[in-house]
């Protein structure tokens, strides 16, 4: 039997609609396609959030989570993990303080993959907006001292471009290849966000790791995305597909630019046509 085709999609602004729903059409197409293809996700979201979104979808392949820092099977078996240690994390936060901005910190508190979401005492308007979306989230923990954890998955700054662009440059100059920095527009608001990861904790490295785990070649995979954190896997995959609402720099790298957006079930319509 020939190898089944592999499809890996981003969630926010790609497969998820802007209201964070998955349409019945997308659900139907995904589950039908999973009978003769392998489908999974590469997302900035955590295991629990991803699991909640995809509870009606058939999954039998590793999921790439938290921008690529974690690869987990659908039954929560850890396949790969890339973290920033506490010493490096605290040093990153110190650089941020010179720009008068504090971060959110997402890390693991144990090897059962239980996460903690640390938020600081001082919040700008962009951070307050983001935090509203995590109301009553059991992972939330107040972090007035701005200290990082032993296993930090990602450190994230939300703010305006004028603050985050020079911070990005300062972090790259200070830490060079010890970290990966991704500055992107925040599509749910009018600000930007800067994500700091382990240098091998991005989606591109994660896609390669998933392909090795499945004993397949990266040329066999089709990926879908819309934003800066998808660019690495676009360059790696055999076929890259951008939804119509993707950033222009993402579209420029895509093999296929869809005529439909995430709110028009662009990914599902592509899958239906294959």
Protein backbone atom coordinates (compact mmCIF):
# COMPACT_ATOMS: atom_id res chain seq x y z
CA UNK A 1 0.00 0.00 0.00
CA UNK A 2 1.48 3.39 -0.96
CA UNK A 3 2.29 5.90 1.76
CA UNK A 4 -0.66 8.08 2.67
CA UNK A 5 -0.26 11.82 1.98
CA UNK A 6 0.48 13.96 5.03
CA UNK A 7 -1.18 17.31 5.78
CA UNK A 8 -0.13 19.58 8.65
CA UNK A 9 -2.11 22.76 9.34
CA UNK A 10 -1.68 25.75 11.58
CA UNK A 11 -4.77 26.51 13.68
CA UNK A 12 -5.29 30.23 14.42
CA UNK A 13 -6.26 32.22 11.30
CA UNK A 14 -5.62 29.14 9.15
CA UNK A 15 -7.87 26.21 10.09
CA UNK A 16 -9.75 27.85 12.96
CA UNK A 17 -12.22 30.56 12.08
CA UNK A 18 -11.61 33.99 13.58
CA UNK A 19 -14.22 33.29 16.26
CA UNK A 20 -12.14 30.19 17.20
CA UNK A 21 -14.73 27.76 15.84
CA UNK A 22 -14.34 24.88 13.40
CA UNK A 23 -17.22 24.67 10.95
CA UNK A 24 -19.21 21.50 10.45
CA UNK A 25 -17.96 21.51 6.84
CA UNK A 26 -14.31 21.56 7.92
CA UNK A 27 -14.99 18.84 10.48
CA UNK A 28 -16.70 16.65 7.89
CA UNK A 29 -13.96 17.08 5.29
CA UNK A 30 -11.15 16.50 7.82
CA UNK A 31 -12.67 13.26 9.10
CA UNK A 32 -13.42 11.99 5.59
CA UNK A 33 -9.89 12.82 4.43
CA UNK A 34 -8.34 11.07 7.44
CA UNK A 35 -9.43 7.71 5.99
CA UNK A 36 -6.81 7.92 3.24
CA UNK A 37 -4.43 10.62 4.51
CA UNK A 38 -2.58 11.60 7.68
CA UNK A 39 -3.73 14.92 9.14
CA UNK A 40 -2.34 16.81 12.10
CA UNK A 41 -1.60 20.34 13.37
CA UNK A 42 1.30 22.70 14.03
CA UNK A 43 0.11 25.42 16.39
CA UNK A 44 1.22 27.99 18.94
CA UNK A 45 -1.42 26.59 21.28
CA UNK A 46 -1.00 24.13 24.14
CA UNK A 47 -1.99 20.46 24.29
CA UNK A 48 -5.18 21.10 26.25
CA UNK A 49 -6.38 24.00 24.09
CA UNK A 50 -5.60 22.08 20.92
CA UNK A 51 -7.29 18.96 22.24
CA UNK A 52 -10.39 21.01 23.11
CA UNK A 53 -10.56 22.52 19.60
CA UNK A 54 -10.02 19.19 17.84
CA UNK A 55 -12.13 16.89 20.00
CA UNK A 56 -14.44 16.08 17.06
CA UNK A 57 -11.63 15.51 14.57
CA UNK A 58 -9.84 12.23 13.88
CA UNK A 59 -6.15 12.49 14.86
CA UNK A 60 -3.63 9.68 14.55
CA UNK A 61 -0.38 11.59 14.06
CA UNK A 62 1.88 13.62 16.38
CA UNK A 63 0.79 17.20 17.07
CA UNK A 64 3.25 20.10 16.95
CA UNK A 65 2.40 22.40 19.85
CA UNK A 66 3.49 25.71 21.37
CA UNK A 67 5.20 26.90 18.16
CA UNK A 68 7.19 23.68 17.85
CA UNK A 69 8.64 23.42 21.35
CA UNK A 70 6.64 20.25 22.03
CA UNK A 71 5.60 17.29 19.89
CA UNK A 72 2.93 15.12 21.48
CA UNK A 73 0.86 12.17 20.29
CA UNK A 74 -2.94 12.52 20.46
CA UNK A 75 -2.90 10.32 23.58
CA UNK A 76 -0.41 12.75 25.22
CA UNK A 77 2.77 10.75 24.75
CA UNK A 78 5.74 13.12 24.58
CA UNK A 79 7.81 12.72 21.42
CA UNK A 80 10.09 15.76 21.62
CA UNK A 81 10.60 18.75 23.88
CA UNK A 82 12.73 21.89 23.50
CA UNK A 83 12.86 24.25 26.49
CA UNK A 84 14.73 27.36 27.60
CA UNK A 85 16.44 26.82 30.97
CA UNK A 86 15.89 29.12 33.93
CA UNK A 87 19.25 30.90 33.76
CA UNK A 88 18.77 31.84 30.12
CA UNK A 89 15.10 32.65 30.68
CA UNK A 90 15.85 35.03 33.53
CA UNK A 91 18.55 36.71 31.44
CA UNK A 92 16.04 37.24 28.61
CA UNK A 93 13.59 38.85 31.04
CA UNK A 94 16.33 41.21 32.28
CA UNK A 95 16.85 42.50 28.75
CA UNK A 96 13.11 43.07 28.43
CA UNK A 97 13.10 45.13 31.62
CA UNK A 98 15.49 47.63 30.01
CA UNK A 99 12.67 48.27 27.52
CA UNK A 100 10.15 48.61 30.36
CA UNK A 101 8.12 45.57 29.35
CA UNK A 102 7.40 42.30 31.17
CA UNK A 103 6.61 38.98 29.49
CA UNK A 104 4.15 36.15 29.69
CA UNK A 105 5.97 32.88 30.31
CA UNK A 106 4.62 29.47 29.34
CA UNK A 107 6.41 26.50 30.86
CA UNK A 108 6.08 22.98 32.14
CA UNK A 109 5.76 22.33 35.85
CA UNK A 110 6.22 18.56 35.50
CA UNK A 111 6.89 15.83 32.96
CA UNK A 112 3.20 14.93 32.88
CA UNK A 113 3.04 17.94 30.53
CA UNK A 114 1.11 20.12 32.96
CA UNK A 115 1.67 23.72 31.92
CA UNK A 116 1.86 26.98 33.82
CA UNK A 117 1.08 30.37 32.26
CA UNK A 118 2.88 33.09 34.24
CA UNK A 119 1.68 36.66 33.94
CA UNK A 120 3.43 39.75 35.39
CA UNK A 121 2.37 42.52 37.74
CA UNK A 122 2.76 45.23 35.10
CA UNK A 123 0.53 44.81 32.04
CA UNK A 124 0.25 47.07 29.02
CA UNK A 125 -3.02 47.41 27.10
CA UNK A 126 -2.07 44.72 24.60
CA UNK A 127 -1.26 42.27 27.41
CA UNK A 128 -4.51 43.07 29.20
CA UNK A 129 -6.41 42.24 26.00
CA UNK A 130 -4.64 38.89 25.66
CA UNK A 131 -5.14 38.03 29.32
CA UNK A 132 -8.92 38.44 28.98
CA UNK A 133 -8.90 35.39 26.75
CA UNK A 134 -7.42 33.30 29.57
CA UNK A 135 -9.96 34.20 32.22
CA UNK A 136 -10.48 31.26 34.60
CA UNK A 137 -7.71 29.28 32.86
CA UNK A 138 -6.33 26.91 35.54
CA UNK A 139 -2.79 27.33 34.15
CA UNK A 140 -2.67 31.03 35.10
CA UNK A 141 -0.24 31.99 37.84
CA UNK A 142 0.72 35.47 39.02
CA UNK A 143 4.46 36.15 38.62
CA UNK A 144 5.23 39.48 40.30
CA UNK A 145 8.97 38.80 40.50
CA UNK A 146 9.24 38.14 36.73
CA UNK A 147 11.19 34.92 37.27
CA UNK A 148 11.11 32.15 34.70
CA UNK A 149 10.68 28.40 35.29
CA UNK A 150 13.05 25.44 35.09
CA UNK A 151 11.44 24.34 31.80
CA UNK A 152 10.29 27.37 29.78
CA UNK A 153 8.49 26.54 26.53
CA UNK A 154 8.20 30.10 25.33
CA UNK A 155 8.54 33.66 26.54
CA UNK A 156 6.10 36.05 24.88
CA UNK A 157 5.93 39.84 24.80
CA UNK A 158 2.81 41.65 23.56
CA UNK A 159 3.02 45.34 22.74
CA UNK A 160 3.43 47.89 19.97
CA UNK A 161 5.93 47.58 17.13
CA UNK A 162 7.94 50.58 18.34
CA UNK A 163 8.73 48.72 21.58
CA UNK A 164 9.07 45.16 20.33
CA UNK A 165 11.23 45.75 17.24
CA UNK A 166 14.22 47.17 19.18
CA UNK A 167 13.69 44.55 21.90
CA UNK A 168 13.91 41.84 19.24
CA UNK A 169 17.15 43.32 17.91
CA UNK A 170 18.62 43.60 21.42
CA UNK A 171 17.78 39.97 22.24
CA UNK A 172 19.30 38.71 18.98
CA UNK A 173 22.46 40.73 19.59
CA UNK A 174 22.75 39.57 23.21
CA UNK A 175 21.94 35.88 22.84
CA UNK A 176 22.67 35.22 19.14
CA UNK A 177 22.05 31.54 18.30
CA UNK A 178 21.01 30.58 21.85
CA UNK A 179 17.39 31.58 21.15
CA UNK A 180 14.89 31.93 18.30
CA UNK A 181 12.94 35.24 18.10
CA UNK A 182 9.78 35.69 16.04
CA UNK A 183 8.09 39.11 15.80
CA UNK A 184 4.59 39.02 14.30
CA UNK A 185 1.45 41.15 14.05
CA UNK A 186 -1.24 40.09 16.54
CA UNK A 187 -4.31 39.51 14.38
CA UNK A 188 -6.78 39.40 17.28
CA UNK A 189 -5.80 42.97 18.22
CA UNK A 190 -3.85 45.83 16.66
CA UNK A 191 -0.52 45.10 18.34
CA UNK A 192 2.46 42.82 17.85
CA UNK A 193 3.85 39.86 19.70
CA UNK A 194 7.41 38.64 20.13
CA UNK A 195 7.88 34.94 20.83
CA UNK A 196 11.21 33.65 22.18
CA UNK A 197 11.93 29.94 21.80
CA UNK A 198 14.68 27.37 22.04
CA UNK A 199 16.61 27.64 18.72
CA UNK A 200 15.25 24.22 17.69
CA UNK A 201 11.81 24.87 19.18
CA UNK A 202 10.16 26.17 16.03
CA UNK A 203 7.73 24.57 13.58
CA UNK A 204 10.38 23.79 10.97
CA UNK A 205 12.48 21.68 13.32
CA UNK A 206 9.30 20.09 14.67
CA UNK A 207 8.03 19.11 11.21
CA UNK A 208 11.41 17.50 10.50
CA UNK A 209 11.23 15.61 13.80
CA UNK A 210 7.68 14.41 13.05
CA UNK A 211 8.77 13.19 9.63
CA UNK A 212 11.67 11.26 11.20
CA UNK A 213 9.27 9.80 13.77
CA UNK A 214 6.94 8.65 11.00
CA UNK A 215 9.85 7.49 8.81
CA UNK A 216 8.78 9.79 6.02
CA UNK A 217 10.47 12.57 4.08
CA UNK A 218 9.64 16.27 4.48
CA UNK A 219 9.02 16.34 0.73
CA UNK A 220 5.95 14.16 1.38
CA UNK A 221 4.17 16.73 3.54
CA UNK A 222 1.79 19.57 2.66
CA UNK A 223 1.61 22.39 5.23
CA UNK A 224 -0.91 25.21 5.70
CA UNK A 225 -0.31 28.54 7.43
CA UNK A 226 -0.76 32.28 7.59
CA UNK A 227 1.91 33.88 9.79
CA UNK A 228 5.60 34.37 10.55
CA UNK A 229 5.91 31.25 12.67
CA UNK A 230 4.81 29.17 9.65
CA UNK A 231 7.61 30.38 7.35
CA UNK A 232 10.16 27.80 8.49
CA UNK A 233 7.89 24.85 7.75
CA UNK A 234 6.89 26.44 4.41
CA UNK A 235 10.54 26.32 3.36
CA UNK A 236 10.93 22.72 4.52
CA UNK A 237 7.74 21.04 3.27
CA UNK A 238 7.22 19.54 -0.15
CA UNK A 239 4.13 21.74 -0.64
CA UNK A 240 3.23 24.91 1.26
CA UNK A 241 -0.26 26.41 1.16
CA UNK A 242 -1.24 29.88 2.41
CA UNK A 243 -4.83 30.88 3.15
CA UNK A 244 -6.00 34.07 1.45
CA UNK A 245 -5.79 36.03 4.73
CA UNK A 246 -2.12 35.12 5.27
CA UNK A 247 0.56 37.77 5.66
CA UNK A 248 2.01 38.88 2.33
CA UNK A 249 5.48 37.61 3.27
CA UNK A 250 3.95 34.17 3.87
CA UNK A 251 2.06 34.20 0.59
CA UNK A 252 5.30 35.09 -1.21
CA UNK A 253 6.86 31.83 -0.03
CA UNK A 254 3.82 29.60 -0.62
CA UNK A 255 3.57 27.10 -3.44
CA UNK A 256 -0.20 27.62 -3.39
CA UNK A 257 -2.19 30.68 -2.27
CA UNK A 258 -5.81 29.75 -1.66
CA UNK A 259 -8.69 31.90 -2.89
CA UNK A 260 -10.41 31.31 0.46
CA UNK A 261 -9.66 32.55 3.98
CA UNK A 262 -9.81 30.74 7.30
CA UNK A 263 -13.37 32.06 7.72
CA UNK A 264 -14.26 30.50 4.35
CA UNK A 265 -12.91 27.02 5.23
CA UNK A 266 -9.92 27.45 2.93
CA UNK A 267 -7.98 24.45 4.26
CA UNK A 268 -10.99 22.13 4.11
CA UNK A 269 -11.83 23.22 0.55
CA UNK A 270 -8.25 22.44 -0.49
CA UNK A 271 -8.40 19.03 1.17
CA UNK A 272 -11.71 18.31 -0.52
CA UNK A 273 -10.16 19.01 -3.91
CA UNK A 274 -7.23 16.60 -3.48
